[in-house]
Amino acid sequence: ELKAVFEEHLKSRLMPSNLPFWQEYFSIAEGKKR
């Protein structure tokens, strides 16, 4: 649900340094290394 909200609504609104964090956050949540 969180990923859908960010992809569909919030991604375009994120500040520049926040965007790469959330992209990697979902990657970490899937088991990849930070």
All heavy atoms as atom14 arrays in JSON, in Angstrom:
{
  "sequence": "ELKAVFEEHLKSRLMPSNLPFWQEYFSIAEGKKR",
  "atom14_mask": [
    [1, 1, 1, 1, 1, 1, 1, 1, 1, 0, 0, 0, 0, 0],
    [1, 1, 1, 1, 1, 1, 1, 1, 0, 0, 0, 0, 0, 0],
    [1, 1, 1, 1, 1, 1, 1, 1, 1, 0, 0, 0, 0, 0],
    [1, 1, 1, 1, 1, 0, 0, 0, 0, 0, 0, 0, 0, 0],
    [1, 1, 1, 1, 1, 1, 1, 0, 0, 0, 0, 0, 0, 0],
    [1, 1, 1, 1, 1, 1, 1, 1, 1, 1, 1, 0, 0, 0],
    [1, 1, 1, 1, 1, 1, 1, 1, 1, 0, 0, 0, 0, 0],
    [1, 1, 1, 1, 1, 1, 1, 1, 1, 0, 0, 0, 0, 0],
    [1, 1, 1, 1, 1, 1, 1, 1, 1, 1, 0, 0, 0, 0],
    [1, 1, 1, 1, 1, 1, 1, 1, 0, 0, 0, 0, 0, 0],
    [1, 1, 1, 1, 1, 1, 1, 1, 1, 0, 0, 0, 0, 0],
    [1, 1, 1, 1, 1, 1, 0, 0, 0, 0, 0, 0, 0, 0],
    [1, 1, 1, 1, 1, 1, 1, 1, 1, 1, 1, 0, 0, 0],
    [1, 1, 1, 1, 1, 1, 1, 1, 0, 0, 0, 0, 0, 0],
    [1, 1, 1, 1, 1, 1, 1, 1, 0, 0, 0, 0, 0, 0],
    [1, 1, 1, 1, 1, 1, 1, 0, 0, 0, 0, 0, 0, 0],
    [1, 1, 1, 1, 1, 1, 0, 0, 0, 0, 0, 0, 0, 0],
    [1, 1, 1, 1, 1, 1, 1, 1, 0, 0, 0, 0, 0, 0],
    [1, 1, 1, 1, 1, 1, 1, 1, 0, 0, 0, 0, 0, 0],
    [1, 1, 1, 1, 1, 1, 1, 0, 0, 0, 0, 0, 0, 0],
    [1, 1, 1, 1, 1, 1, 1, 1, 1, 1, 1, 0, 0, 0],
    [1, 1, 1, 1, 1, 1, 1, 1, 1, 1, 1, 1, 1, 1],
    [1, 1, 1, 1, 1, 1, 1, 1, 1, 0, 0, 0, 0, 0],
    [1, 1, 1, 1, 1, 1, 1, 1, 1, 0, 0, 0, 0, 0],
    [1, 1, 1, 1, 1, 1, 1, 1, 1, 1, 1, 1, 0, 0],
    [1, 1, 1, 1, 1, 1, 1, 1, 1, 1, 1, 0, 0, 0],
    [1, 1, 1, 1, 1, 1, 0, 0, 0, 0, 0, 0, 0, 0],
    [1, 1, 1, 1, 1, 1, 1, 1, 0, 0, 0, 0, 0, 0],
    [1, 1, 1, 1, 1, 0, 0, 0, 0, 0, 0, 0, 0, 0],
    [1, 1, 1, 1, 1, 1, 1, 1, 1, 0, 0, 0, 0, 0],
    [1, 1, 1, 1, 0, 0, 0, 0, 0, 0, 0, 0, 0, 0],
    [1, 1, 1, 1, 1, 1, 1, 1, 1, 0, 0, 0, 0, 0],
    [1, 1, 1, 1, 1, 1, 1, 1, 1, 0, 0, 0, 0, 0],
    [1, 1, 1, 1, 1, 1, 1, 1, 1, 1, 1, 0, 0, 0]
  ],
  "atom14_positions": [
    [[0.83, -1.21, 0.0], [0.0, 0.0, 0.0], [0.86, 1.25, 0.0], [0.6, 2.21, -0.74], [-0.92, 0.0, 1.23], [-1.83, 1.22, 1.3], [-2.7, 1.24, 2.54], [-2.66, 0.25, 3.31], [-3.41, 2.25, 2.74], [0.0, 0.0, 0.0], [0.0, 0.0, 0.0], [0.0, 0.0, 0.0], [0.0, 0.0, 0.0], [0.0, 0.0, 0.0]],
    [[1.91, 1.23, 0.83], [2.8, 2.38, 0.9], [3.48, 2.61, -0.44], [3.57, 3.76, -0.92], [3.85, 2.15, 1.99], [4.96, 3.2, 2.11], [4.38, 4.58, 2.38], [5.95, 2.8, 3.21], [0.0, 0.0, 0.0], [0.0, 0.0, 0.0], [0.0, 0.0, 0.0], [0.0, 0.0, 0.0], [0.0, 0.0, 0.0], [0.0, 0.0, 0.0]],
    [[3.96, 1.55, -1.06], [4.65, 1.69, -2.35], [3.72, 2.23, -3.41], [4.1, 3.08, -4.23], [5.22, 0.34, -2.78], [6.16, 0.44, -3.97], [6.87, -0.88, -4.23], [7.88, -0.73, -5.37], [8.61, -2.01, -5.61], [0.0, 0.0, 0.0], [0.0, 0.0, 0.0], [0.0, 0.0, 0.0], [0.0, 0.0, 0.0], [0.0, 0.0, 0.0]],
    [[2.47, 1.77, -3.4], [1.49, 2.25, -4.38], [1.21, 3.74, -4.19], [1.12, 4.5, -5.17], [0.2, 1.45, -4.26], [0.0, 0.0, 0.0], [0.0, 0.0, 0.0], [0.0, 0.0, 0.0], [0.0, 0.0, 0.0], [0.0, 0.0, 0.0], [0.0, 0.0, 0.0], [0.0, 0.0, 0.0], [0.0, 0.0, 0.0], [0.0, 0.0, 0.0]],
    [[1.09, 4.16, -2.94], [0.84, 5.58, -2.65], [1.98, 6.45, -3.16], [1.77, 7.5, -3.77], [0.64, 5.8, -1.13], [0.64, 7.28, -0.8], [-0.67, 5.17, -0.67], [0.0, 0.0, 0.0], [0.0, 0.0, 0.0], [0.0, 0.0, 0.0], [0.0, 0.0, 0.0], [0.0, 0.0, 0.0], [0.0, 0.0, 0.0], [0.0, 0.0, 0.0]],
    [[3.2, 6.01, -2.93], [4.35, 6.81, -3.36], [4.5, 6.8, -4.88], [4.78, 7.84, -5.48], [5.63, 6.31, -2.68], [5.89, 7.0, -1.39], [5.29, 6.57, -0.22], [6.7, 8.11, -1.35], [5.51, 7.23, 0.98], [6.93, 8.78, -0.16], [6.33, 8.34, 1.01], [0.0, 0.0, 0.0], [0.0, 0.0, 0.0], [0.0, 0.0, 0.0]],
    [[4.32, 5.66, -5.5], [4.48, 5.59, -6.95], [3.4, 6.39, -7.67], [3.67, 7.07, -8.66], [4.44, 4.13, -7.41], [5.66, 3.32, -7.02], [6.93, 3.8, -7.72], [6.82, 4.36, -8.83], [8.02, 3.61, -7.16], [0.0, 0.0, 0.0], [0.0, 0.0, 0.0], [0.0, 0.0, 0.0], [0.0, 0.0, 0.0], [0.0, 0.0, 0.0]],
    [[2.18, 6.33, -7.16], [1.05, 6.95, -7.86], [0.83, 8.42, -7.49], [0.33, 9.19, -8.3], [-0.23, 6.17, -7.56], [-0.2, 4.73, -8.07], [-1.41, 3.93, -7.6], [-2.39, 4.55, -7.15], [-1.35, 2.67, -7.66], [0.0, 0.0, 0.0], [0.0, 0.0, 0.0], [0.0, 0.0, 0.0], [0.0, 0.0, 0.0], [0.0, 0.0, 0.0]],
    [[1.21, 8.81, -6.28], [0.84, 10.14, -5.83], [2.01, 11.01, -5.32], [2.08, 12.19, -5.64], [-0.2, 10.04, -4.72], [-1.45, 9.34, -5.12], [-2.4, 9.9, -5.94], [-1.9, 8.08, -4.81], [-3.39, 9.05, -6.13], [-3.12, 7.93, -5.46], [0.0, 0.0, 0.0], [0.0, 0.0, 0.0], [0.0, 0.0, 0.0], [0.0, 0.0, 0.0]],
    [[2.9, 10.44, -4.53], [3.86, 11.26, -3.81], [5.22, 11.38, -4.47], [5.97, 12.31, -4.17], [4.04, 10.72, -2.38], [2.8, 10.74, -1.49], [3.15, 10.26, -0.1], [2.17, 12.12, -1.44], [0.0, 0.0, 0.0], [0.0, 0.0, 0.0], [0.0, 0.0, 0.0], [0.0, 0.0, 0.0], [0.0, 0.0, 0.0], [0.0, 0.0, 0.0]],
    [[5.56, 10.47, -5.33], [6.9, 10.46, -5.92], [7.24, 11.78, -6.58], [8.35, 12.32, -6.41], [7.0, 9.33, -6.93], [8.39, 9.15, -7.53], [8.44, 7.95, -8.45], [9.82, 7.79, -9.07], [9.88, 6.59, -9.96], [0.0, 0.0, 0.0], [0.0, 0.0, 0.0], [0.0, 0.0, 0.0], [0.0, 0.0, 0.0], [0.0, 0.0, 0.0]],
    [[6.3, 12.34, -7.31], [6.56, 13.59, -8.03], [6.64, 14.79, -7.11], [7.08, 15.87, -7.51], [5.47, 13.82, -9.08], [4.2, 13.95, -8.46], [0.0, 0.0, 0.0], [0.0, 0.0, 0.0], [0.0, 0.0, 0.0], [0.0, 0.0, 0.0], [0.0, 0.0, 0.0], [0.0, 0.0, 0.0], [0.0, 0.0, 0.0], [0.0, 0.0, 0.0]],
    [[6.22, 14.63, -5.86], [6.2, 15.74, -4.91], [7.4, 15.75, -3.97], [7.61, 16.71, -3.23], [4.92, 15.69, -4.06], [3.63, 15.67, -4.86], [2.44, 15.66, -3.91], [1.18, 15.58, -4.62], [-0.02, 15.67, -4.04], [-0.07, 15.82, -2.71], [-1.13, 15.59, -4.74], [0.0, 0.0, 0.0], [0.0, 0.0, 0.0], [0.0, 0.0, 0.0]],
    [[8.17, 14.67, -3.97], [9.27, 14.56, -3.02], [10.36, 15.57, -3.32], [10.64, 15.9, -4.47], [9.86, 13.15, -3.05], [8.96, 12.02, -2.55], [9.67, 10.69, -2.71], [8.58, 12.23, -1.1], [0.0, 0.0, 0.0], [0.0, 0.0, 0.0], [0.0, 0.0, 0.0], [0.0, 0.0, 0.0], [0.0, 0.0, 0.0], [0.0, 0.0, 0.0]],
    [[11.01, 16.04, -2.26], [12.15, 16.93, -2.41], [13.33, 16.13, -2.94], [13.39, 14.91, -2.75], [12.46, 17.59, -1.07], [11.29, 18.41, -0.54], [11.53, 18.99, 1.14], [12.71, 20.3, 0.87], [0.0, 0.0, 0.0], [0.0, 0.0, 0.0], [0.0, 0.0, 0.0], [0.0, 0.0, 0.0], [0.0, 0.0, 0.0], [0.0, 0.0, 0.0]],
    [[14.27, 16.78, -3.63], [15.34, 16.07, -4.32], [16.11, 15.05, -3.5], [16.43, 13.98, -4.0], [16.25, 17.21, -4.79], [15.32, 18.35, -4.98], [14.31, 18.23, -3.89], [0.0, 0.0, 0.0], [0.0, 0.0, 0.0], [0.0, 0.0, 0.0], [0.0, 0.0, 0.0], [0.0, 0.0, 0.0], [0.0, 0.0, 0.0], [0.0, 0.0, 0.0]],
    [[16.44, 15.35, -2.26], [17.21, 14.39, -1.48], [16.34, 13.31, -0.87], [16.86, 12.3, -0.39], [17.98, 15.11, -0.36], [17.1, 15.66, 0.58], [0.0, 0.0, 0.0], [0.0, 0.0, 0.0], [0.0, 0.0, 0.0], [0.0, 0.0, 0.0], [0.0, 0.0, 0.0], [0.0, 0.0, 0.0], [0.0, 0.0, 0.0], [0.0, 0.0, 0.0]],
    [[15.02, 13.5, -0.88], [14.11, 12.49, -0.33], [13.78, 11.41, -1.35], [13.5, 10.27, -0.99], [12.83, 13.16, 0.14], [12.23, 12.5, 1.37], [11.06, 12.62, 1.63], [13.04, 11.79, 2.14], [0.0, 0.0, 0.0], [0.0, 0.0, 0.0], [0.0, 0.0, 0.0], [0.0, 0.0, 0.0], [0.0, 0.0, 0.0], [0.0, 0.0, 0.0]],
    [[13.82, 11.76, -2.64], [13.46, 10.81, -3.7], [14.37, 9.59, -3.72], [13.88, 8.46, -3.72], [13.45, 11.52, -5.06], [13.14, 10.65, -6.27], [11.78, 9.97, -6.1], [13.17, 11.48, -7.55], [0.0, 0.0, 0.0], [0.0, 0.0, 0.0], [0.0, 0.0, 0.0], [0.0, 0.0, 0.0], [0.0, 0.0, 0.0], [0.0, 0.0, 0.0]],
    [[15.69, 9.74, -3.75], [16.54, 8.54, -3.76], [16.39, 7.7, -2.51], [16.55, 6.48, -2.55], [17.96, 9.09, -3.89], [17.88, 10.52, -3.48], [16.5, 10.97, -3.87], [0.0, 0.0, 0.0], [0.0, 0.0, 0.0], [0.0, 0.0, 0.0], [0.0, 0.0, 0.0], [0.0, 0.0, 0.0], [0.0, 0.0, 0.0], [0.0, 0.0, 0.0]],
    [[16.07, 8.34, -1.37], [15.87, 7.55, -0.15], [14.71, 6.6, -0.33], [14.82, 5.4, -0.05], [15.6, 8.43, 1.07], [15.09, 7.62, 2.23], [15.95, 6.86, 3.0], [13.73, 7.54, 2.5], [15.49, 6.06, 4.03], [13.25, 6.74, 3.53], [14.13, 6.01, 4.3], [0.0, 0.0, 0.0], [0.0, 0.0, 0.0], [0.0, 0.0, 0.0]],
    [[13.57, 7.1, -0.78], [12.39, 6.24, -0.87], [12.55, 5.17, -1.94], [12.06, 4.05, -1.79], [11.13, 7.08, -1.11], [10.65, 7.68, 0.17], [10.76, 8.97, 0.58], [10.01, 6.98, 1.24], [10.23, 9.12, 1.84], [9.75, 7.93, 2.26], [9.61, 5.66, 1.42], [9.11, 7.57, 3.46], [8.98, 5.31, 2.62], [8.74, 6.26, 3.61]],
    [[13.25, 5.49, -3.01], [13.5, 4.47, -4.02], [14.32, 3.33, -3.42], [14.07, 2.16, -3.68], [14.22, 5.08, -5.21], [13.32, 5.99, -6.05], [13.96, 6.43, -7.36], [15.14, 6.21, -7.57], [13.19, 7.05, -8.22], [0.0, 0.0, 0.0], [0.0, 0.0, 0.0], [0.0, 0.0, 0.0], [0.0, 0.0, 0.0], [0.0, 0.0, 0.0]],
    [[15.32, 3.68, -2.61], [16.14, 2.64, -2.0], [15.45, 1.99, -0.8], [15.71, 0.83, -0.49], [17.5, 3.2, -1.59], [18.42, 2.1, -1.1], [19.87, 2.34, -1.47], [20.13, 2.85, -2.57], [20.73, 2.03, -0.65], [0.0, 0.0, 0.0], [0.0, 0.0, 0.0], [0.0, 0.0, 0.0], [0.0, 0.0, 0.0], [0.0, 0.0, 0.0]],
    [[14.57, 2.72, -0.13], [13.85, 2.15, 1.0], [13.09, 0.89, 0.58], [13.14, -0.15, 1.26], [12.88, 3.17, 1.58], [11.95, 2.59, 2.63], [12.37, 2.41, 3.93], [10.66, 2.2, 2.29], [11.53, 1.86, 4.89], [9.81, 1.65, 3.23], [10.25, 1.48, 4.53], [9.42, 0.93, 5.47], [0.0, 0.0, 0.0], [0.0, 0.0, 0.0]],
    [[12.4, 0.99, -0.55], [11.64, -0.17, -1.01], [12.58, -1.3, -1.45], [12.25, -2.48, -1.31], [10.71, 0.24, -2.15], [9.62, 1.18, -1.71], [9.56, 2.48, -2.19], [8.66, 0.78, -0.79], [8.56, 3.35, -1.77], [7.66, 1.64, -0.36], [7.62, 2.94, -0.85], [0.0, 0.0, 0.0], [0.0, 0.0, 0.0], [0.0, 0.0, 0.0]],
    [[13.74, -0.95, -1.94], [14.73, -1.95, -2.3], [15.24, -2.68, -1.06], [15.38, -3.91, -1.05], [15.91, -1.29, -3.05], [16.92, -2.23, -3.32], [0.0, 0.0, 0.0], [0.0, 0.0, 0.0], [0.0, 0.0, 0.0], [0.0, 0.0, 0.0], [0.0, 0.0, 0.0], [0.0, 0.0, 0.0], [0.0, 0.0, 0.0], [0.0, 0.0, 0.0]],
    [[15.5, -1.93, 0.02], [15.95, -2.52, 1.28], [14.85, -3.42, 1.85], [15.12, -4.51, 2.37], [16.33, -1.42, 2.29], [17.53, -0.62, 1.78], [16.63, -2.02, 3.66], [17.83, 0.62, 2.59], [0.0, 0.0, 0.0], [0.0, 0.0, 0.0], [0.0, 0.0, 0.0], [0.0, 0.0, 0.0], [0.0, 0.0, 0.0], [0.0, 0.0, 0.0]],
    [[13.6, -2.96, 1.75], [12.47, -3.74, 2.27], [12.33, -5.08, 1.55], [11.79, -6.04, 2.1], [11.18, -2.93, 2.13], [0.0, 0.0, 0.0], [0.0, 0.0, 0.0], [0.0, 0.0, 0.0], [0.0, 0.0, 0.0], [0.0, 0.0, 0.0], [0.0, 0.0, 0.0], [0.0, 0.0, 0.0], [0.0, 0.0, 0.0], [0.0, 0.0, 0.0]],
    [[12.83, -5.13, 0.31], [12.76, -6.37, -0.47], [13.96, -7.26, -0.22], [14.11, -8.31, -0.86], [12.67, -6.02, -1.96], [11.35, -5.34, -2.33], [11.37, -4.78, -3.74], [12.45, -4.87, -4.39], [10.34, -4.25, -4.19], [0.0, 0.0, 0.0], [0.0, 0.0, 0.0], [0.0, 0.0, 0.0], [0.0, 0.0, 0.0], [0.0, 0.0, 0.0]],
    [[14.86, -6.85, 0.69], [15.98, -7.69, 1.07], [17.31, -7.32, 0.49], [18.32, -8.0, 0.76], [0.0, 0.0, 0.0], [0.0, 0.0, 0.0], [0.0, 0.0, 0.0], [0.0, 0.0, 0.0], [0.0, 0.0, 0.0], [0.0, 0.0, 0.0], [0.0, 0.0, 0.0], [0.0, 0.0, 0.0], [0.0, 0.0, 0.0], [0.0, 0.0, 0.0]],
    [[17.38, -6.23, -0.27], [18.65, -5.8, -0.84], [19.42, -4.94, 0.16], [18.83, -4.36, 1.07], [18.41, -5.03, -2.13], [17.74, -5.86, -3.21], [17.49, -5.05, -4.46], [16.78, -5.89, -5.53], [16.49, -5.1, -6.75], [0.0, 0.0, 0.0], [0.0, 0.0, 0.0], [0.0, 0.0, 0.0], [0.0, 0.0, 0.0], [0.0, 0.0, 0.0]],
    [[20.73, -4.85, -0.02], [21.56, -4.08, 0.89], [21.47, -2.59, 0.6], [21.33, -2.18, -0.54], [23.02, -4.54, 0.8], [23.27, -5.92, 1.39], [24.75, -6.25, 1.4], [24.99, -7.61, 2.06], [26.43, -7.93, 2.11], [0.0, 0.0, 0.0], [0.0, 0.0, 0.0], [0.0, 0.0, 0.0], [0.0, 0.0, 0.0], [0.0, 0.0, 0.0]],
    [[21.59, -1.82, 1.64], [21.56, -0.36, 1.52], [22.81, 0.16, 0.84], [23.93, -0.25, 1.15], [21.42, 0.27, 2.91], [21.5, 1.8, 2.91], [21.28, 2.35, 4.3], [21.45, 3.82, 4.31], [20.67, 4.65, 4.98], [19.65, 4.2, 5.67], [20.9, 5.95, 4.95], [0.0, 0.0, 0.0], [0.0, 0.0, 0.0], [0.0, 0.0, 0.0]]
  ]
}
